[in-house]
PDB file of N, CA and C in Angstrom:
ATOM      1  N   UNK A   1       4.561 -20.726   4.370  1.00  0.00           N
ATOM      2  CA  UNK A   1       5.679 -19.842   4.101  1.00  0.00           C
ATOM      3  C   UNK A   1       5.366 -19.011   2.858  1.00  0.00           C
ATOM      4  N   UNK A   2       5.679 -17.743   2.905  1.00  0.00           N
ATOM      5  CA  UNK A   2       5.459 -16.868   1.758  1.00  0.00           C
ATOM      6  C   UNK A   2       6.795 -16.392   1.213  1.00  0.00           C
ATOM      7  N   UNK A   3       6.784 -16.014  -0.042  1.00  0.00           N
ATOM      8  CA  UNK A   3       7.986 -15.482  -0.682  1.00  0.00           C
ATOM      9  C   UNK A   3       8.009 -13.963  -0.524  1.00  0.00           C
ATOM     10  N   UNK A   4       9.112 -13.378  -0.876  1.00  0.00           N
ATOM     11  CA  UNK A   4       9.227 -11.915  -0.837  1.00  0.00           C
ATOM     12  C   UNK A   4       8.202 -11.279  -1.775  1.00  0.00           C
ATOM     13  N   UNK A   5       8.011 -11.874  -2.937  1.00  0.00           N
ATOM     14  CA  UNK A   5       7.029 -11.360  -3.904  1.00  0.00           C
ATOM     15  C   UNK A   5       5.621 -11.427  -3.310  1.00  0.00           C
ATOM     16  N   UNK A   6       5.303 -12.529  -2.614  1.00  0.00           N
ATOM     17  CA  UNK A   6       4.000 -12.656  -1.953  1.00  0.00           C
ATOM     18  C   UNK A   6       3.818 -11.546  -0.923  1.00  0.00           C
ATOM     19  N   UNK A   7       4.866 -11.305  -0.154  1.00  0.00           N
ATOM     20  CA  UNK A   7       4.794 -10.291   0.895  1.00  0.00           C
ATOM     21  C   UNK A   7       4.449  -8.932   0.300  1.00  0.00           C
ATOM     22  N   UNK A   8       5.083  -8.579  -0.789  1.00  0.00           N
ATOM     23  CA  UNK A   8       4.834  -7.276  -1.417  1.00  0.00           C
ATOM     24  C   UNK A   8       3.390  -7.166  -1.888  1.00  0.00           C
ATOM     25  N   UNK A   9       2.830  -8.268  -2.375  1.00  0.00           N
ATOM     26  CA  UNK A   9       1.449  -8.208  -2.853  1.00  0.00           C
ATOM     27  C   UNK A   9       0.451  -8.017  -1.713  1.00  0.00           C
ATOM     28  N   UNK A  10       0.849  -8.342  -0.476  1.00  0.00           N
ATOM     29  CA  UNK A  10      -0.023  -8.181   0.686  1.00  0.00           C
ATOM     30  C   UNK A  10       0.282  -6.909   1.475  1.00  0.00           C
ATOM     31  N   UNK A  11       1.272  -6.151   1.042  1.00  0.00           N
ATOM     32  CA  UNK A  11       1.770  -5.023   1.829  1.00  0.00           C
ATOM     33  C   UNK A  11       0.697  -3.994   2.178  1.00  0.00           C
ATOM     34  N   UNK A  12      -0.087  -3.577   1.203  1.00  0.00           N
ATOM     35  CA  UNK A  12      -1.124  -2.577   1.482  1.00  0.00           C
ATOM     36  C   UNK A  12      -2.152  -3.107   2.483  1.00  0.00           C
ATOM     37  N   UNK A  13      -2.558  -4.351   2.307  1.00  0.00           N
ATOM     38  CA  UNK A  13      -3.531  -4.939   3.235  1.00  0.00           C
ATOM     39  C   UNK A  13      -2.932  -5.059   4.638  1.00  0.00           C
ATOM     40  N   UNK A  14      -1.642  -5.349   4.721  1.00  0.00           N
ATOM     41  CA  UNK A  14      -0.961  -5.428   6.013  1.00  0.00           C
ATOM     42  C   UNK A  14      -0.974  -4.056   6.703  1.00  0.00           C
ATOM     43  N   UNK A  15      -0.586  -3.037   5.972  1.00  0.00           N
ATOM     44  CA  UNK A  15      -0.525  -1.694   6.546  1.00  0.00           C
ATOM     45  C   UNK A  15      -1.905  -1.147   6.882  1.00  0.00           C
ATOM     46  N   UNK A  16      -2.918  -1.571   6.155  1.00  0.00           N
ATOM     47  CA  UNK A  16      -4.290  -1.137   6.429  1.00  0.00           C
ATOM     48  C   UNK A  16      -4.975  -2.033   7.461  1.00  0.00           C
ATOM     49  N   UNK A  17      -4.224  -2.972   8.033  1.00  0.00           N
ATOM     50  CA  UNK A  17      -4.721  -3.895   9.055  1.00  0.00           C
ATOM     51  C   UNK A  17      -5.931  -4.690   8.559  1.00  0.00           C
ATOM     52  N   UNK A  18      -5.830  -5.180   7.315  1.00  0.00           N
ATOM     53  CA  UNK A  18      -6.923  -5.925   6.699  1.00  0.00           C
ATOM     54  C   UNK A  18      -6.640  -7.425   6.591  1.00  0.00           C
ATOM     55  N   UNK A  19      -5.513  -7.879   7.129  1.00  0.00           N
ATOM     56  CA  UNK A  19      -5.191  -9.302   7.077  1.00  0.00           C
ATOM     57  C   UNK A  19      -5.819 -10.027   8.260  1.00  0.00           C
ATOM     58  N   UNK A  20      -6.172 -11.281   8.022  1.00  0.00           N
ATOM     59  CA  UNK A  20      -6.652 -12.109   9.128  1.00  0.00           C
ATOM     60  C   UNK A  20      -5.482 -12.354  10.077  1.00  0.00           C
ATOM     61  N   UNK A  21      -5.770 -12.836  11.261  1.00  0.00           N
ATOM     62  CA  UNK A  21      -4.702 -13.116  12.225  1.00  0.00           C
ATOM     63  C   UNK A  21      -3.714 -14.118  11.642  1.00  0.00           C
ATOM     64  N   UNK A  22      -4.209 -15.162  10.995  1.00  0.00           N
ATOM     65  CA  UNK A  22      -3.327 -16.172  10.417  1.00  0.00           C
ATOM     66  C   UNK A  22      -2.433 -15.561   9.328  1.00  0.00           C
ATOM     67  N   UNK A  23      -3.014 -14.730   8.463  1.00  0.00           N
ATOM     68  CA  UNK A  23      -2.233 -14.081   7.408  1.00  0.00           C
ATOM     69  C   UNK A  23      -1.196 -13.145   8.018  1.00  0.00           C
ATOM     70  N   UNK A  24      -1.609 -12.394   9.021  1.00  0.00           N
ATOM     71  CA  UNK A  24      -0.708 -11.448   9.680  1.00  0.00           C
ATOM     72  C   UNK A  24       0.454 -12.186  10.346  1.00  0.00           C
ATOM     73  N   UNK A  25       0.164 -13.337  10.946  1.00  0.00           N
ATOM     74  CA  UNK A  25       1.220 -14.124  11.591  1.00  0.00           C
ATOM     75  C   UNK A  25       2.247 -14.599  10.562  1.00  0.00           C
ATOM     76  N   UNK A  26       1.765 -15.082   9.403  1.00  0.00           N
ATOM     77  CA  UNK A  26       2.673 -15.536   8.342  1.00  0.00           C
ATOM     78  C   UNK A  26       3.502 -14.357   7.836  1.00  0.00           C
ATOM     79  N   UNK A  27       2.859 -13.231   7.649  1.00  0.00           N
ATOM     80  CA  UNK A  27       3.518 -12.012   7.193  1.00  0.00           C
ATOM     81  C   UNK A  27       4.606 -11.601   8.193  1.00  0.00           C
ATOM     82  N   UNK A  28       4.254 -11.581   9.468  1.00  0.00           N
ATOM     83  CA  UNK A  28       5.203 -11.185  10.523  1.00  0.00           C
ATOM     84  C   UNK A  28       6.370 -12.164  10.615  1.00  0.00           C
ATOM     85  N   UNK A  29       6.085 -13.463  10.470  1.00  0.00           N
ATOM     86  CA  UNK A  29       7.154 -14.470  10.485  1.00  0.00           C
ATOM     87  C   UNK A  29       8.151 -14.204   9.362  1.00  0.00           C
ATOM     88  N   UNK A  30       7.639 -13.886   8.183  1.00  0.00           N
ATOM     89  CA  UNK A  30       8.523 -13.607   7.050  1.00  0.00           C
ATOM     90  C   UNK A  30       9.370 -12.368   7.340  1.00  0.00           C
ATOM     91  N   UNK A  31       8.755 -11.335   7.873  1.00  0.00           N
ATOM     92  CA  UNK A  31       9.499 -10.110   8.180  1.00  0.00           C
ATOM     93  C   UNK A  31      10.591 -10.370   9.220  1.00  0.00           C
ATOM     94  N   UNK A  32      10.313 -11.233  10.156  1.00  0.00           N
ATOM     95  CA  UNK A  32      11.301 -11.556  11.196  1.00  0.00           C
ATOM     96  C   UNK A  32      12.514 -12.264  10.584  1.00  0.00           C
ATOM     97  N   UNK A  33      12.260 -13.076   9.548  1.00  0.00           N
ATOM     98  CA  UNK A  33      13.331 -13.872   8.946  1.00  0.00           C
ATOM     99  C   UNK A  33      13.999 -13.220   7.742  1.00  0.00           C
ATOM    100  N   UNK A  34      13.390 -12.176   7.175  1.00  0.00           N
ATOM    101  CA  UNK A  34      13.901 -11.590   5.931  1.00  0.00           C
ATOM    102  C   UNK A  34      14.200 -10.098   6.128  1.00  0.00           C
ATOM    103  N   UNK A  35      15.449  -9.801   6.322  1.00  0.00           N
ATOM    104  CA  UNK A  35      15.863  -8.411   6.550  1.00  0.00           C
ATOM    105  C   UNK A  35      15.565  -7.520   5.333  1.00  0.00           C
ATOM    106  N   UNK A  36      15.664  -8.083   4.133  1.00  0.00           N
ATOM    107  CA  UNK A  36      15.379  -7.296   2.917  1.00  0.00           C
ATOM    108  C   UNK A  36      13.925  -6.813   2.905  1.00  0.00           C
ATOM    109  N   UNK A  37      13.001  -7.709   3.239  1.00  0.00           N
ATOM    110  CA  UNK A  37      11.585  -7.321   3.250  1.00  0.00           C
ATOM    111  C   UNK A  37      11.290  -6.342   4.386  1.00  0.00           C
ATOM    112  N   UNK A  38      11.950  -6.528   5.519  1.00  0.00           N
ATOM    113  CA  UNK A  38      11.766  -5.593   6.624  1.00  0.00           C
ATOM    114  C   UNK A  38      12.241  -4.199   6.211  1.00  0.00           C
ATOM    115  N   UNK A  39      13.382  -4.127   5.545  1.00  0.00           N
ATOM    116  CA  UNK A  39      13.876  -2.837   5.041  1.00  0.00           C
ATOM    117  C   UNK A  39      12.916  -2.242   4.019  1.00  0.00           C
ATOM    118  N   UNK A  40      12.387  -3.087   3.141  1.00  0.00           N
ATOM    119  CA  UNK A  40      11.423  -2.629   2.138  1.00  0.00           C
ATOM    120  C   UNK A  40      10.195  -2.035   2.822  1.00  0.00           C
ATOM    121  N   UNK A  41       9.680  -2.724   3.824  1.00  0.00           N
ATOM    122  CA  UNK A  41       8.517  -2.238   4.563  1.00  0.00           C
ATOM    123  C   UNK A  41       8.804  -0.895   5.228  1.00  0.00           C
ATOM    124  N   UNK A  42       9.958  -0.763   5.841  1.00  0.00           N
ATOM    125  CA  UNK A  42      10.321   0.501   6.498  1.00  0.00           C
ATOM    126  C   UNK A  42      10.401   1.640   5.479  1.00  0.00           C
ATOM    127  N   UNK A  43      10.990   1.384   4.327  1.00  0.00           N
ATOM    128  CA  UNK A  43      11.088   2.415   3.286  1.00  0.00           C
ATOM    129  C   UNK A  43       9.708   2.743   2.704  1.00  0.00           C
ATOM    130  N   UNK A  44       8.876   1.745   2.580  1.00  0.00           N
ATOM    131  CA  UNK A  44       7.507   1.946   2.083  1.00  0.00           C
ATOM    132  C   UNK A  44       6.728   2.847   3.044  1.00  0.00           C
ATOM    133  N   UNK A  45       6.831   2.561   4.336  1.00  0.00           N
ATOM    134  CA  UNK A  45       6.159   3.397   5.344  1.00  0.00           C
ATOM    135  C   UNK A  45       6.685   4.832   5.301  1.00  0.00           C
ATOM    136  N   UNK A  46       7.988   4.990   5.155  1.00  0.00           N
ATOM    137  CA  UNK A  46       8.581   6.330   5.073  1.00  0.00           C
ATOM    138  C   UNK A  46       8.059   7.060   3.842  1.00  0.00           C
ATOM    139  N   UNK A  47       7.979   6.373   2.723  1.00  0.00           N
ATOM    140  CA  UNK A  47       7.464   6.974   1.489  1.00  0.00           C
ATOM    141  C   UNK A  47       6.030   7.453   1.672  1.00  0.00           C
ATOM    142  N   UNK A  48       5.200   6.634   2.281  1.00  0.00           N
ATOM    143  CA  UNK A  48       3.807   7.016   2.521  1.00  0.00           C
ATOM    144  C   UNK A  48       3.734   8.229   3.427  1.00  0.00           C
ATOM    145  N   UNK A  49       4.520   8.222   4.496  1.00  0.00           N
ATOM    146  CA  UNK A  49       4.509   9.343   5.437  1.00  0.00           C
ATOM    147  C   UNK A  49       4.947  10.644   4.756  1.00  0.00           C
ATOM    148  N   UNK A  50       6.010  10.568   3.944  1.00  0.00           N
ATOM    149  CA  UNK A  50       6.492  11.763   3.249  1.00  0.00           C
ATOM    150  C   UNK A  50       5.492  12.250   2.208  1.00  0.00           C
ATOM    151  N   UNK A  51       4.873  11.310   1.503  1.00  0.00           N
ATOM    152  CA  UNK A  51       3.872  11.689   0.501  1.00  0.00           C
ATOM    153  C   UNK A  51       2.703  12.414   1.154  1.00  0.00           C
ATOM    154  N   UNK A  52       2.269  11.920   2.296  1.00  0.00           N
ATOM    155  CA  UNK A  52       1.152  12.564   2.996  1.00  0.00           C
ATOM    156  C   UNK A  52       1.538  13.950   3.493  1.00  0.00           C
ATOM    157  N   UNK A  53       2.778  14.110   3.885  1.00  0.00           N
ATOM    158  CA  UNK A  53       3.237  15.413   4.354  1.00  0.00           C
ATOM    159  C   UNK A  53       3.349  16.406   3.199  1.00  0.00           C
ATOM    160  N   UNK A  54       3.827  15.924   2.054  1.00  0.00           N
ATOM    161  CA  UNK A  54       4.019  16.797   0.889  1.00  0.00           C
ATOM    162  C   UNK A  54       2.725  17.075   0.134  1.00  0.00           C
ATOM    163  N   UNK A  55       1.854  16.091   0.093  1.00  0.00           N
ATOM    164  CA  UNK A  55       0.645  16.180  -0.720  1.00  0.00           C
ATOM    165  C   UNK A  55      -0.569  15.789   0.116  1.00  0.00           C
ATOM    166  N   UNK A  56      -0.984  16.671   1.004  1.00  0.00           N
ATOM    167  CA  UNK A  56      -2.120  16.305   1.851  1.00  0.00           C
ATOM    168  C   UNK A  56      -3.366  16.013   1.004  1.00  0.00           C
ATOM    169  N   UNK A  57      -4.105  15.043   1.457  1.00  0.00           N
ATOM    170  CA  UNK A  57      -5.338  14.654   0.756  1.00  0.00           C
ATOM    171  C   UNK A  57      -6.333  15.803   0.758  1.00  0.00           C
ATOM    172  N   UNK A  58      -7.014  15.884  -0.333  1.00  0.00           N
ATOM    173  CA  UNK A  58      -8.061  16.873  -0.458  1.00  0.00           C
ATOM    174  C   UNK A  58      -9.228  16.207  -1.170  1.00  0.00           C
ATOM    175  N   UNK A  59     -10.427  16.490  -0.718  1.00  0.00           N
ATOM    176  CA  UNK A  59     -11.602  15.920  -1.350  1.00  0.00           C
ATOM    177  C   UNK A  59     -11.980  16.665  -2.623  1.00  0.00           C
ATOM    178  N   UNK A  60     -11.367  17.803  -2.841  1.00  0.00           N
ATOM    179  CA  UNK A  60     -11.701  18.577  -4.031  1.00  0.00           C
ATOM    180  C   UNK A  60     -10.694  18.284  -5.135  1.00  0.00           C
ATOM    181  N   UNK A  61     -11.200  18.186  -6.332  1.00  0.00           N
ATOM    182  CA  UNK A  61     -10.368  17.950  -7.507  1.00  0.00           C
ATOM    183  C   UNK A  61     -10.277  19.267  -8.262  1.00  0.00           C
ATOM    184  N   UNK A  62      -9.067  19.712  -8.561  1.00  0.00           N
ATOM    185  CA  UNK A  62      -8.923  20.974  -9.275  1.00  0.00           C
ATOM    186  C   UNK A  62      -9.688  20.953 -10.604  1.00  0.00           C
ATOM    187  N   UNK A  63     -10.226  22.085 -10.986  1.00  0.00           N
ATOM    188  CA  UNK A  63     -11.018  22.203 -12.212  1.00  0.00           C
ATOM    189  C   UNK A  63     -10.242  21.816 -13.467  1.00  0.00           C
ATOM    190  N   UNK A  64      -8.913  22.003 -13.442  1.00  0.00           N
ATOM    191  CA  UNK A  64      -8.135  21.727 -14.645  1.00  0.00           C
ATOM    192  C   UNK A  64      -7.898  20.225 -14.895  1.00  0.00           C
ATOM    193  N   UNK A  65      -8.266  19.376 -13.943  1.00  0.00           N
ATOM    194  CA  UNK A  65      -8.125  17.926 -14.126  1.00  0.00           C
ATOM    195  C   UNK A  65      -9.313  17.428 -14.947  1.00  0.00           C
ATOM    196  N   UNK A  66      -9.023  16.821 -16.106  1.00  0.00           N
ATOM    197  CA  UNK A  66     -10.118  16.348 -16.965  1.00  0.00           C
ATOM    198  C   UNK A  66     -10.946  15.270 -16.272  1.00  0.00           C
ATOM    199  N   UNK A  67     -12.251  15.335 -16.480  1.00  0.00           N
ATOM    200  CA  UNK A  67     -13.157  14.353 -15.869  1.00  0.00           C
ATOM    201  C   UNK A  67     -12.828  12.936 -16.337  1.00  0.00           C
ATOM    202  N   UNK A  68     -12.396  12.803 -17.582  1.00  0.00           N
ATOM    203  CA  UNK A  68     -12.047  11.476 -18.102  1.00  0.00           C
ATOM    204  C   UNK A  68     -10.871  10.867 -17.321  1.00  0.00           C
ATOM    205  N   UNK A  69      -9.929  11.703 -16.905  1.00  0.00           N
ATOM    206  CA  UNK A  69      -8.802  11.223 -16.107  1.00  0.00           C
ATOM    207  C   UNK A  69      -9.272  10.784 -14.724  1.00  0.00           C
ATOM    208  N   UNK A  70     -10.120  11.565 -14.112  1.00  0.00           N
ATOM    209  CA  UNK A  70     -10.663  11.216 -12.799  1.00  0.00           C
ATOM    210  C   UNK A  70     -11.403   9.885 -12.885  1.00  0.00           C
ATOM    211  N   UNK A  71     -12.235   9.711 -13.903  1.00  0.00           N
ATOM    212  CA  UNK A  71     -12.987   8.466 -14.074  1.00  0.00           C
ATOM    213  C   UNK A  71     -12.059   7.276 -14.303  1.00  0.00           C
ATOM    214  N   UNK A  72     -10.988   7.481 -15.077  1.00  0.00           N
ATOM    215  CA  UNK A  72     -10.036   6.396 -15.334  1.00  0.00           C
ATOM    216  C   UNK A  72      -9.320   5.986 -14.050  1.00  0.00           C
ATOM    217  N   UNK A  73      -8.953   6.951 -13.233  1.00  0.00           N
ATOM    218  CA  UNK A  73      -8.288   6.657 -11.959  1.00  0.00           C
ATOM    219  C   UNK A  73      -9.233   5.906 -11.031  1.00  0.00           C
ATOM    220  N   UNK A  74     -10.470   6.364 -10.943  1.00  0.00           N
ATOM    221  CA  UNK A  74     -11.448   5.688 -10.087  1.00  0.00           C
ATOM    222  C   UNK A  74     -11.711   4.266 -10.563  1.00  0.00           C
ATOM    223  N   UNK A  75     -11.779   4.075 -11.871  1.00  0.00           N
ATOM    224  CA  UNK A  75     -12.010   2.742 -12.424  1.00  0.00           C
ATOM    225  C   UNK A  75     -10.818   1.827 -12.127  1.00  0.00           C
ATOM    226  N   UNK A  76      -9.603   2.341 -12.294  1.00  0.00           N
ATOM    227  CA  UNK A  76      -8.406   1.548 -12.008  1.00  0.00           C
ATOM    228  C   UNK A  76      -8.313   1.211 -10.527  1.00  0.00           C
ATOM    229  N   UNK A  77      -8.661   2.152  -9.684  1.00  0.00           N
ATOM    230  CA  UNK A  77      -8.633   1.918  -8.246  1.00  0.00           C
ATOM    231  C   UNK A  77      -9.621   0.820  -7.860  1.00  0.00           C
ATOM    232  N   UNK A  78     -10.796   0.854  -8.449  1.00  0.00           N
ATOM    233  CA  UNK A  78     -11.813  -0.150  -8.171  1.00  0.00           C
ATOM    234  C   UNK A  78     -11.374  -1.529  -8.666  1.00  0.00           C
ATOM    235  N   UNK A  79     -10.741  -1.564  -9.828  1.00  0.00           N
ATOM    236  CA  UNK A  79     -10.265  -2.837 -10.389  1.00  0.00           C
ATOM    237  C   UNK A  79      -9.171  -3.457  -9.529  1.00  0.00           C
ATOM    238  N   UNK A  80      -8.421  -2.615  -8.823  1.00  0.00           N
ATOM    239  CA  UNK A  80      -7.334  -3.104  -7.975  1.00  0.00           C
ATOM    240  C   UNK A  80      -7.767  -3.690  -6.661  1.00  0.00           C
ATOM    241  N   UNK A  81      -9.035  -3.548  -6.325  1.00  0.00           N
ATOM    242  CA  UNK A  81      -9.504  -4.064  -5.030  1.00  0.00           C
ATOM    243  C   UNK A  81      -9.728  -5.530  -5.058  1.00  0.00           C
TER     244      UNK A  81
END
């Protein structure tokens, strides 16, 4: 059994289909039993969809973005994996 806090920590991996079958089953069981987490997941998906619509990904970084900021973001992203 997982807690709501546990579920949130696995949310990105769940949406990216990176959980094992056993993990996914536990995650799905929690969502079936917890309406709050199901609502959270639905709002999270909506947020991602709207963000992608408003701010489409681009491989180019504008010249005005400092290289130090780009490096810090990349380092933080790597640390989060």
